[in-house]
Amino acid sequence: MGMTNKQFQGFIRLSLSVLREALKITPDNEKIQELESIFQSMLEDD
C-alpha cells in the first residue's frame, strides 16, 4: 500500500515544519540545514 501524491506532500510539509523548528533551536546545525534543503527541493520538484 503506497502513498498518494497528496499524502506524500503532506508528509514532506510536516517534516519541513519540524526541521525548521529544529533550526530555530540550533541554527548552525549543518545536517539539519541540509535535510531542510533536500525536503524543500522535493516539494519544488513535484
N, C-alpha and C. Protein backbone atom coordinates (compact mmCIF):
# COMPACT_ATOMS: atom_id res chain seq x y z
N MET A 1 0.84 -1.17 0.00
CA MET A 1 0.00 0.00 0.00
C MET A 1 0.89 1.24 0.00
N GLY A 2 0.75 2.04 -1.03
CA GLY A 2 1.58 3.22 -1.15
C GLY A 2 0.87 4.49 -0.74
N MET A 3 1.58 5.58 -0.84
CA MET A 3 1.03 6.90 -0.51
C MET A 3 0.57 7.58 -1.78
N THR A 4 -0.49 8.37 -1.65
CA THR A 4 -0.88 9.22 -2.77
C THR A 4 0.06 10.41 -2.80
N ASN A 5 0.06 11.12 -3.90
CA ASN A 5 0.90 12.30 -4.02
C ASN A 5 0.55 13.32 -2.94
N LYS A 6 -0.74 13.48 -2.66
CA LYS A 6 -1.17 14.43 -1.65
C LYS A 6 -0.68 14.02 -0.25
N GLN A 7 -0.73 12.74 0.04
CA GLN A 7 -0.23 12.24 1.33
C GLN A 7 1.28 12.47 1.44
N PHE A 8 1.99 12.22 0.36
CA PHE A 8 3.44 12.40 0.35
C PHE A 8 3.79 13.87 0.59
N GLN A 9 3.09 14.77 -0.10
CA GLN A 9 3.33 16.20 0.09
C GLN A 9 3.04 16.61 1.52
N GLY A 10 1.98 16.06 2.11
CA GLY A 10 1.65 16.36 3.50
C GLY A 10 2.76 15.91 4.44
N PHE A 11 3.30 14.72 4.19
CA PHE A 11 4.41 14.21 4.99
C PHE A 11 5.63 15.12 4.87
N ILE A 12 5.94 15.56 3.66
CA ILE A 12 7.09 16.43 3.44
C ILE A 12 6.88 17.77 4.14
N ARG A 13 5.68 18.33 4.03
CA ARG A 13 5.38 19.61 4.68
C ARG A 13 5.50 19.49 6.21
N LEU A 14 4.97 18.41 6.76
CA LEU A 14 5.08 18.18 8.20
C LEU A 14 6.54 18.06 8.62
N SER A 15 7.30 17.29 7.85
CA SER A 15 8.72 17.11 8.15
C SER A 15 9.47 18.44 8.06
N LEU A 16 9.14 19.25 7.05
CA LEU A 16 9.79 20.55 6.91
C LEU A 16 9.50 21.44 8.11
N SER A 17 8.28 21.41 8.61
CA SER A 17 7.95 22.25 9.75
C SER A 17 8.76 21.83 10.98
N VAL A 18 8.95 20.52 11.16
CA VAL A 18 9.75 20.03 12.29
C VAL A 18 11.22 20.42 12.10
N LEU A 19 11.72 20.29 10.88
CA LEU A 19 13.11 20.67 10.61
C LEU A 19 13.33 22.16 10.86
N ARG A 20 12.37 22.99 10.47
CA ARG A 20 12.51 24.44 10.67
C ARG A 20 12.47 24.80 12.15
N GLU A 21 11.65 24.10 12.91
CA GLU A 21 11.64 24.32 14.37
C GLU A 21 12.99 23.93 14.97
N ALA A 22 13.56 22.83 14.49
CA ALA A 22 14.87 22.40 14.97
C ALA A 22 15.94 23.43 14.62
N LEU A 23 15.82 24.06 13.45
CA LEU A 23 16.79 25.08 13.05
C LEU A 23 16.68 26.34 13.91
N LYS A 24 15.49 26.62 14.43
CA LYS A 24 15.34 27.76 15.33
C LYS A 24 16.13 27.52 16.62
N ILE A 25 16.17 26.26 17.04
CA ILE A 25 16.88 25.90 18.28
C ILE A 25 18.38 25.85 18.05
N THR A 26 18.78 25.24 16.94
CA THR A 26 20.21 25.10 16.61
C THR A 26 20.44 25.53 15.16
N PRO A 27 20.48 26.85 14.92
CA PRO A 27 20.57 27.36 13.55
C PRO A 27 21.87 27.01 12.82
N ASP A 28 22.90 26.64 13.55
CA ASP A 28 24.19 26.34 12.91
C ASP A 28 24.36 24.86 12.56
N ASN A 29 23.34 24.06 12.81
CA ASN A 29 23.44 22.62 12.55
C ASN A 29 23.38 22.36 11.04
N GLU A 30 24.51 22.00 10.47
CA GLU A 30 24.61 21.82 9.02
C GLU A 30 23.79 20.64 8.52
N LYS A 31 23.68 19.59 9.30
CA LYS A 31 22.92 18.41 8.89
C LYS A 31 21.43 18.75 8.78
N ILE A 32 20.93 19.51 9.74
CA ILE A 32 19.52 19.90 9.68
C ILE A 32 19.30 20.85 8.51
N GLN A 33 20.23 21.75 8.27
CA GLN A 33 20.13 22.67 7.13
C GLN A 33 20.09 21.89 5.82
N GLU A 34 20.94 20.88 5.72
CA GLU A 34 20.99 20.06 4.51
C GLU A 34 19.68 19.30 4.30
N LEU A 35 19.16 18.71 5.37
CA LEU A 35 17.88 18.00 5.28
C LEU A 35 16.76 18.93 4.88
N GLU A 36 16.73 20.12 5.46
CA GLU A 36 15.69 21.10 5.13
C GLU A 36 15.75 21.45 3.65
N SER A 37 16.94 21.62 3.15
CA SER A 37 17.13 21.94 1.74
C SER A 37 16.65 20.80 0.84
N ILE A 38 16.98 19.58 1.20
CA ILE A 38 16.56 18.40 0.42
C ILE A 38 15.05 18.28 0.41
N PHE A 39 14.43 18.41 1.58
CA PHE A 39 12.97 18.29 1.67
C PHE A 39 12.28 19.40 0.90
N GLN A 40 12.83 20.62 0.97
CA GLN A 40 12.24 21.73 0.22
C GLN A 40 12.32 21.47 -1.28
N SER A 41 13.43 20.92 -1.74
CA SER A 41 13.57 20.64 -3.18
C SER A 41 12.62 19.52 -3.60
N MET A 42 12.30 18.62 -2.69
CA MET A 42 11.34 17.55 -3.00
C MET A 42 9.97 18.14 -3.27
N LEU A 43 9.59 19.17 -2.55
CA LEU A 43 8.31 19.83 -2.77
C LEU A 43 8.32 20.60 -4.09
N GLU A 44 9.43 21.25 -4.37
CA GLU A 44 9.52 22.06 -5.59
C GLU A 44 9.57 21.21 -6.84
N ASP A 45 10.11 20.01 -6.76
CA ASP A 45 10.21 19.13 -7.91
C ASP A 45 8.87 18.54 -8.32
N ASP A 46 7.95 18.50 -7.39
CA ASP A 46 6.67 17.84 -7.65
C ASP A 46 5.72 18.66 -8.43
